[in-house]
PDB file of N, CA and C in Angstrom:
ATOM      1  N   MET A   1     -21.526  22.051  -5.985  1.00  0.00           N
ATOM      2  CA  MET A   1     -20.476  22.757  -5.023  1.00  0.00           C
ATOM      3  C   MET A   1     -21.401  24.362  -5.229  1.00  0.00           C
ATOM      4  N   GLU A   2     -21.153  24.719  -4.144  1.00  0.00           N
ATOM      5  CA  GLU A   2     -21.840  26.412  -3.620  1.00  0.00           C
ATOM      6  C   GLU A   2     -20.411  27.038  -4.766  1.00  0.00           C
ATOM      7  N   LYS A   3     -20.467  28.513  -4.913  1.00  0.00           N
ATOM      8  CA  LYS A   3     -19.528  29.310  -5.245  1.00  0.00           C
ATOM      9  C   LYS A   3     -18.034  29.124  -4.425  1.00  0.00           C
ATOM     10  N   ASN A   4     -18.389  29.413  -2.741  1.00  0.00           N
ATOM     11  CA  ASN A   4     -16.920  29.188  -1.812  1.00  0.00           C
ATOM     12  C   ASN A   4     -16.769  28.020  -0.470  1.00  0.00           C
ATOM     13  N   GLU A   5     -16.853  27.512  -1.896  1.00  0.00           N
ATOM     14  CA  GLU A   5     -17.041  25.959  -0.670  1.00  0.00           C
ATOM     15  C   GLU A   5     -15.685  25.483  -1.862  1.00  0.00           C
ATOM     16  N   ILE A   6     -14.805  24.378  -0.409  1.00  0.00           N
ATOM     17  CA  ILE A   6     -14.519  23.047  -1.331  1.00  0.00           C
ATOM     18  C   ILE A   6     -15.163  21.892  -1.018  1.00  0.00           C
ATOM     19  N   THR A   7     -14.608  20.927  -1.925  1.00  0.00           N
ATOM     20  CA  THR A   7     -15.033  19.150  -1.548  1.00  0.00           C
ATOM     21  C   THR A   7     -13.780  18.182  -0.509  1.00  0.00           C
ATOM     22  N   VAL A   8     -14.183  17.748   0.616  1.00  0.00           N
ATOM     23  CA  VAL A   8     -12.843  16.945   0.611  1.00  0.00           C
ATOM     24  C   VAL A   8     -13.649  15.433   0.820  1.00  0.00           C
ATOM     25  N   GLN A   9     -12.495  14.876   0.337  1.00  0.00           N
ATOM     26  CA  GLN A   9     -13.557  12.695   0.764  1.00  0.00           C
ATOM     27  C   GLN A   9     -11.742  12.346   1.349  1.00  0.00           C
ATOM     28  N   CYS A  10     -13.042  11.868   2.086  1.00  0.00           N
ATOM     29  CA  CYS A  10     -11.284  10.348   2.143  1.00  0.00           C
ATOM     30  C   CYS A  10     -12.568   9.297   1.595  1.00  0.00           C
ATOM     31  N   GLY A  11     -11.809   8.181   1.252  1.00  0.00           N
ATOM     32  CA  GLY A  11     -12.467   7.308   0.729  1.00  0.00           C
ATOM     33  C   GLY A  11     -13.909   7.471   0.534  1.00  0.00           C
ATOM     34  N   ALA A  12     -14.532   6.446   0.471  1.00  0.00           N
ATOM     35  CA  ALA A  12     -16.806   6.541   0.676  1.00  0.00           C
ATOM     36  C   ALA A  12     -16.946   8.042   0.812  1.00  0.00           C
ATOM     37  N   ASN A  13     -16.142   8.396   2.088  1.00  0.00           N
ATOM     38  CA  ASN A  13     -16.573   9.667   2.779  1.00  0.00           C
ATOM     39  C   ASN A  13     -15.856  11.173   1.012  1.00  0.00           C
ATOM     40  N   ASN A  14     -17.937  11.933   1.642  1.00  0.00           N
ATOM     41  CA  ASN A  14     -17.022  13.289   1.475  1.00  0.00           C
ATOM     42  C   ASN A  14     -18.258  13.840   1.904  1.00  0.00           C
ATOM     43  N   GLN A  15     -17.344  15.320   2.229  1.00  0.00           N
ATOM     44  CA  GLN A  15     -17.663  16.425   2.828  1.00  0.00           C
ATOM     45  C   GLN A  15     -17.938  17.540   2.106  1.00  0.00           C
ATOM     46  N   PRO A  16     -19.016  18.200   1.823  1.00  0.00           N
ATOM     47  CA  PRO A  16     -18.366  19.637   1.476  1.00  0.00           C
ATOM     48  C   PRO A  16     -18.264  21.133   2.548  1.00  0.00           C
ATOM     49  N   VAL A  17     -17.277  21.649   2.573  1.00  0.00           N
ATOM     50  CA  VAL A  17     -16.728  22.912   3.713  1.00  0.00           C
ATOM     51  C   VAL A  17     -16.784  24.297   2.886  1.00  0.00           C
ATOM     52  N   GLN A  18     -17.488  24.750   3.565  1.00  0.00           N
ATOM     53  CA  GLN A  18     -17.726  26.232   3.009  1.00  0.00           C
ATOM     54  C   GLN A  18     -16.733  26.932   3.709  1.00  0.00           C
ATOM     55  N   LEU A  19     -16.498  27.996   2.558  1.00  0.00           N
ATOM     56  CA  LEU A  19     -15.048  28.686   3.165  1.00  0.00           C
ATOM     57  C   LEU A  19     -15.976  30.091   3.772  1.00  0.00           C
ATOM     58  N   VAL A  20     -15.257  30.523   4.768  1.00  0.00           N
ATOM     59  CA  VAL A  20     -15.632  31.954   5.027  1.00  0.00           C
ATOM     60  C   VAL A  20     -14.696  33.078   4.808  1.00  0.00           C
ATOM     61  N   GLU A  21     -15.351  34.387   4.795  1.00  0.00           N
ATOM     62  CA  GLU A  21     -14.533  36.031   3.623  1.00  0.00           C
ATOM     63  C   GLU A  21     -13.331  35.926   4.642  1.00  0.00           C
ATOM     64  N   ASN A  22     -12.357  36.049   4.194  1.00  0.00           N
ATOM     65  CA  ASN A  22     -11.100  36.245   4.443  1.00  0.00           C
ATOM     66  C   ASN A  22     -10.586  35.610   6.107  1.00  0.00           C
ATOM     67  N   GLU A  23     -10.828  34.613   5.279  1.00  0.00           N
ATOM     68  CA  GLU A  23      -9.971  32.850   6.127  1.00  0.00           C
ATOM     69  C   GLU A  23      -9.534  32.812   5.588  1.00  0.00           C
ATOM     70  N   GLU A  24      -8.160  32.125   5.802  1.00  0.00           N
ATOM     71  CA  GLU A  24      -7.066  31.361   5.649  1.00  0.00           C
ATOM     72  C   GLU A  24      -6.907  29.543   5.834  1.00  0.00           C
ATOM     73  N   LEU A  25      -8.255  29.070   4.713  1.00  0.00           N
ATOM     74  CA  LEU A  25      -8.117  27.665   5.462  1.00  0.00           C
ATOM     75  C   LEU A  25      -7.440  26.465   4.789  1.00  0.00           C
ATOM     76  N   THR A  26      -6.209  26.158   5.530  1.00  0.00           N
ATOM     77  CA  THR A  26      -5.416  24.930   4.965  1.00  0.00           C
ATOM     78  C   THR A  26      -5.758  23.185   4.830  1.00  0.00           C
ATOM     79  N   VAL A  27      -4.837  22.559   4.980  1.00  0.00           N
ATOM     80  CA  VAL A  27      -4.989  21.824   4.633  1.00  0.00           C
ATOM     81  C   VAL A  27      -5.134  20.911   5.774  1.00  0.00           C
ATOM     82  N   GLY A  28      -4.274  21.254   7.484  1.00  0.00           N
ATOM     83  CA  GLY A  28      -3.870  21.080   8.398  1.00  0.00           C
ATOM     84  C   GLY A  28      -5.250  21.219   8.961  1.00  0.00           C
ATOM     85  N   ASP A  29      -5.776  22.472   8.831  1.00  0.00           N
ATOM     86  CA  ASP A  29      -7.027  22.388   9.827  1.00  0.00           C
ATOM     87  C   ASP A  29      -8.275  21.692   9.035  1.00  0.00           C
ATOM     88  N   VAL A  30      -7.946  21.341   7.811  1.00  0.00           N
ATOM     89  CA  VAL A  30      -9.237  21.057   7.407  1.00  0.00           C
ATOM     90  C   VAL A  30      -9.597  18.909   8.009  1.00  0.00           C
ATOM     91  N   ARG A  31      -7.781  18.774   8.005  1.00  0.00           N
ATOM     92  CA  ARG A  31      -7.350  17.355   8.491  1.00  0.00           C
ATOM     93  C   ARG A  31      -8.340  17.462   9.957  1.00  0.00           C
ATOM     94  N   ASP A  32      -8.022  18.947  10.901  1.00  0.00           N
ATOM     95  CA  ASP A  32      -7.756  18.614  11.719  1.00  0.00           C
ATOM     96  C   ASP A  32      -9.602  18.710  12.374  1.00  0.00           C
ATOM     97  N   ARG A  33     -10.369  19.771  11.899  1.00  0.00           N
ATOM     98  CA  ARG A  33     -11.383  19.696  11.930  1.00  0.00           C
ATOM     99  C   ARG A  33     -12.759  18.664  11.753  1.00  0.00           C
ATOM    100  N   LEU A  34     -11.882  17.798  10.360  1.00  0.00           N
ATOM    101  CA  LEU A  34     -12.524  16.789  10.439  1.00  0.00           C
ATOM    102  C   LEU A  34     -12.251  14.660  10.243  1.00  0.00           C
ATOM    103  N   ALA A  35     -10.862  15.079  11.200  1.00  0.00           N
ATOM    104  CA  ALA A  35     -10.008  13.770  10.833  1.00  0.00           C
ATOM    105  C   ALA A  35     -11.732  12.556  12.145  1.00  0.00           C
ATOM    106  N   ASP A  36     -11.962  12.869  12.641  1.00  0.00           N
ATOM    107  CA  ASP A  36     -13.245  11.972  12.462  1.00  0.00           C
ATOM    108  C   ASP A  36     -14.505  11.679  12.222  1.00  0.00           C
ATOM    109  N   VAL A  37     -14.685  12.756  11.670  1.00  0.00           N
ATOM    110  CA  VAL A  37     -15.889  12.501  11.108  1.00  0.00           C
ATOM    111  C   VAL A  37     -15.360  12.073   8.928  1.00  0.00           C
ATOM    112  N   LEU A  38     -14.430  11.862   9.014  1.00  0.00           N
ATOM    113  CA  LEU A  38     -14.310  11.391   7.758  1.00  0.00           C
ATOM    114  C   LEU A  38     -13.143  10.228   7.859  1.00  0.00           C
ATOM    115  N   ASN A  39     -12.843   9.656   9.088  1.00  0.00           N
ATOM    116  CA  ASN A  39     -11.968   8.793   9.381  1.00  0.00           C
ATOM    117  C   ASN A  39     -11.128   8.995   8.602  1.00  0.00           C
ATOM    118  N   ILE A  40     -10.079  10.120   8.744  1.00  0.00           N
ATOM    119  CA  ILE A  40      -9.218  10.255   8.303  1.00  0.00           C
ATOM    120  C   ILE A  40      -7.710  10.242   8.489  1.00  0.00           C
ATOM    121  N   ALA A  41      -7.029   9.035   8.735  1.00  0.00           N
ATOM    122  CA  ALA A  41      -5.837   8.421   9.133  1.00  0.00           C
ATOM    123  C   ALA A  41      -4.405   9.831   9.064  1.00  0.00           C
ATOM    124  N   PRO A  42      -4.071   9.838  10.163  1.00  0.00           N
ATOM    125  CA  PRO A  42      -3.000  10.618  10.363  1.00  0.00           C
ATOM    126  C   PRO A  42      -1.600  10.983   9.509  1.00  0.00           C
ATOM    127  N   THR A  43      -1.609   9.701   8.283  1.00  0.00           N
ATOM    128  CA  THR A  43      -0.289   9.466   8.016  1.00  0.00           C
ATOM    129  C   THR A  43      -0.700  10.153   6.541  1.00  0.00           C
ATOM    130  N   ALA A  44      -2.802   9.796   6.459  1.00  0.00           N
ATOM    131  CA  ALA A  44      -3.671  10.051   4.965  1.00  0.00           C
ATOM    132  C   ALA A  44      -1.951  11.408   4.071  1.00  0.00           C
ATOM    133  N   LEU A  45      -1.905  10.935   2.870  1.00  0.00           N
ATOM    134  CA  LEU A  45      -1.932  11.788   1.848  1.00  0.00           C
ATOM    135  C   LEU A  45      -2.696  12.747   1.389  1.00  0.00           C
ATOM    136  N   ALA A  46      -2.692  14.046   1.553  1.00  0.00           N
ATOM    137  CA  ALA A  46      -3.407  14.848   0.785  1.00  0.00           C
ATOM    138  C   ALA A  46      -3.154  15.800  -0.192  1.00  0.00           C
ATOM    139  N   VAL A  47      -4.027  14.734  -1.300  1.00  0.00           N
ATOM    140  CA  VAL A  47      -3.783  15.723  -3.091  1.00  0.00           C
ATOM    141  C   VAL A  47      -4.991  16.259  -3.428  1.00  0.00           C
ATOM    142  N   ILE A  48      -4.384  17.502  -4.554  1.00  0.00           N
ATOM    143  CA  ILE A  48      -5.338  18.512  -4.980  1.00  0.00           C
ATOM    144  C   ILE A  48      -5.101  18.112  -6.228  1.00  0.00           C
ATOM    145  N   GLY A  49      -6.317  17.652  -6.763  1.00  0.00           N
ATOM    146  CA  GLY A  49      -5.670  17.024  -9.059  1.00  0.00           C
ATOM    147  C   GLY A  49      -4.779  15.611  -8.558  1.00  0.00           C
ATOM    148  N   ASP A  50      -3.624  16.272  -9.034  1.00  0.00           N
ATOM    149  CA  ASP A  50      -3.326  15.139  -9.612  1.00  0.00           C
ATOM    150  C   ASP A  50      -2.093  15.298  -8.323  1.00  0.00           C
ATOM    151  N   GLU A  51      -1.369  16.851  -7.680  1.00  0.00           N
ATOM    152  CA  GLU A  51      -0.328  16.745  -6.659  1.00  0.00           C
ATOM    153  C   GLU A  51      -0.883  16.801  -5.303  1.00  0.00           C
ATOM    154  N   THR A  52       0.537  15.745  -4.860  1.00  0.00           N
ATOM    155  CA  THR A  52       0.539  15.408  -3.290  1.00  0.00           C
ATOM    156  C   THR A  52       1.057  17.338  -2.512  1.00  0.00           C
ATOM    157  N   VAL A  53      -0.272  17.731  -1.888  1.00  0.00           N
ATOM    158  CA  VAL A  53      -0.140  18.882  -0.999  1.00  0.00           C
ATOM    159  C   VAL A  53       0.245  19.004   0.209  1.00  0.00           C
ATOM    160  N   ASP A  54       1.482  20.090   1.410  1.00  0.00           N
ATOM    161  CA  ASP A  54       1.390  20.613   2.313  1.00  0.00           C
ATOM    162  C   ASP A  54       0.145  20.645   3.883  1.00  0.00           C
ATOM    163  N   ASP A  55       0.316  19.730   4.804  1.00  0.00           N
ATOM    164  CA  ASP A  55      -0.609  20.474   5.163  1.00  0.00           C
ATOM    165  C   ASP A  55      -0.638  22.130   5.351  1.00  0.00           C
ATOM    166  N   ASP A  56       0.886  23.280   5.244  1.00  0.00           N
ATOM    167  CA  ASP A  56       0.088  24.468   4.839  1.00  0.00           C
ATOM    168  C   ASP A  56      -0.675  25.405   3.625  1.00  0.00           C
ATOM    169  N   ARG A  57      -0.681  24.204   2.635  1.00  0.00           N
ATOM    170  CA  ARG A  57      -1.305  24.546   1.347  1.00  0.00           C
ATOM    171  C   ARG A  57      -2.682  25.677   1.745  1.00  0.00           C
ATOM    172  N   VAL A  58      -2.334  26.424   1.543  1.00  0.00           N
ATOM    173  CA  VAL A  58      -4.141  27.015   1.795  1.00  0.00           C
ATOM    174  C   VAL A  58      -5.429  26.917   0.401  1.00  0.00           C
ATOM    175  N   LEU A  59      -6.745  26.817   0.817  1.00  0.00           N
ATOM    176  CA  LEU A  59      -7.261  25.757   0.069  1.00  0.00           C
ATOM    177  C   LEU A  59      -7.957  26.986  -0.606  1.00  0.00           C
ATOM    178  N   VAL A  60      -8.690  27.305  -1.984  1.00  0.00           N
ATOM    179  CA  VAL A  60      -9.344  27.582  -2.832  1.00  0.00           C
ATOM    180  C   VAL A  60     -10.320  26.945  -3.393  1.00  0.00           C
ATOM    181  N   ALA A  61     -11.890  27.645  -3.324  1.00  0.00           N
ATOM    182  CA  ALA A  61     -12.533  27.674  -3.045  1.00  0.00           C
ATOM    183  C   ALA A  61     -12.548  27.264  -4.558  1.00  0.00           C
ATOM    184  N   GLY A  62     -13.937  26.026  -4.880  1.00  0.00           N
ATOM    185  CA  GLY A  62     -14.054  25.196  -5.780  1.00  0.00           C
ATOM    186  C   GLY A  62     -13.187  23.940  -5.834  1.00  0.00           C
ATOM    187  N   GLU A  63     -11.835  23.830  -5.351  1.00  0.00           N
ATOM    188  CA  GLU A  63     -10.989  22.429  -5.392  1.00  0.00           C
ATOM    189  C   GLU A  63     -11.278  21.289  -4.830  1.00  0.00           C
ATOM    190  N   THR A  64     -11.322  20.419  -4.962  1.00  0.00           N
ATOM    191  CA  THR A  64     -10.962  18.791  -4.058  1.00  0.00           C
ATOM    192  C   THR A  64     -10.473  18.722  -3.563  1.00  0.00           C
ATOM    193  N   LEU A  65      -9.942  18.571  -2.259  1.00  0.00           N
ATOM    194  CA  LEU A  65      -9.353  17.935  -1.290  1.00  0.00           C
ATOM    195  C   LEU A  65      -9.172  16.609  -1.192  1.00  0.00           C
ATOM    196  N   GLN A  66      -8.532  15.536  -1.066  1.00  0.00           N
ATOM    197  CA  GLN A  66      -8.789  14.212  -1.378  1.00  0.00           C
ATOM    198  C   GLN A  66      -7.431  13.359  -0.396  1.00  0.00           C
ATOM    199  N   PHE A  67      -7.724  13.296   0.713  1.00  0.00           N
ATOM    200  CA  PHE A  67      -6.828  12.470   1.305  1.00  0.00           C
ATOM    201  C   PHE A  67      -6.835  10.991   1.291  1.00  0.00           C
ATOM    202  N   ILE A  68      -5.767  10.113   1.573  1.00  0.00           N
ATOM    203  CA  ILE A  68      -5.270   9.355   0.189  1.00  0.00           C
ATOM    204  C   ILE A  68      -4.967   8.528   1.062  1.00  0.00           C
ATOM    205  N   LYS A  69      -5.421   6.902   1.275  1.00  0.00           N
ATOM    206  CA  LYS A  69      -4.672   6.173   2.691  1.00  0.00           C
ATOM    207  C   LYS A  69      -2.708   6.071   1.691  1.00  0.00           C
ATOM    208  N   GLN A  70      -2.318   5.373   1.985  1.00  0.00           N
ATOM    209  CA  GLN A  70      -0.909   5.075   1.433  1.00  0.00           C
ATOM    210  C   GLN A  70      -1.145   3.316   1.240  1.00  0.00           C
ATOM    211  N   SER A  71      -0.303   3.155   0.518  1.00  0.00           N
ATOM    212  CA  SER A  71      -0.431   1.350   0.004  1.00  0.00           C
ATOM    213  C   SER A  71       0.689   1.135   0.988  1.00  0.00           C
ATOM    214  N   GLY A  72      -0.226   0.045   1.759  1.00  0.00           N
ATOM    215  CA  GLY A  72       0.612  -0.727   2.803  1.00  0.00           C
ATOM    216  C   GLY A  72      -0.267  -0.373   3.204  1.00  0.00           C
ATOM    217  N   SER A  73      -0.814   0.789   3.813  1.00  0.00           N
ATOM    218  CA  SER A  73      -1.216   0.987   5.221  1.00  0.00           C
ATOM    219  C   SER A  73      -1.973   0.591   5.707  1.00  0.00           C
ATOM    220  N   LYS A  74      -2.369  -0.280   6.865  1.00  0.00           N
ATOM    221  CA  LYS A  74      -3.722  -0.860   7.601  1.00  0.00           C
ATOM    222  C   LYS A  74      -4.471   0.470   8.291  1.00  0.00           C
ATOM    223  N   GLY A  75      -6.034  -0.354   8.762  1.00  0.00           N
ATOM    224  CA  GLY A  75      -6.388   1.160   9.268  1.00  0.00           C
ATOM    225  C   GLY A  75      -7.204   1.503   8.342  1.00  0.00           C
TER     226      GLY A  75
END
């Protein structure tokens, strides 16, 4: 992982995302931008580390953001 990037995971899909200086990239921004690319379900939980986070959470370089399908969900 590069110095100014985050890693986004959804199931078996994995995508590095470069952070632009002075840009506040949120979980919701990533969800919107990568929904089709990583097949992120609209109801998927966003998790950083072992903590569920909201879509307004600002991401920091070096973090890994996971989108996890909720148990019992189809698709």
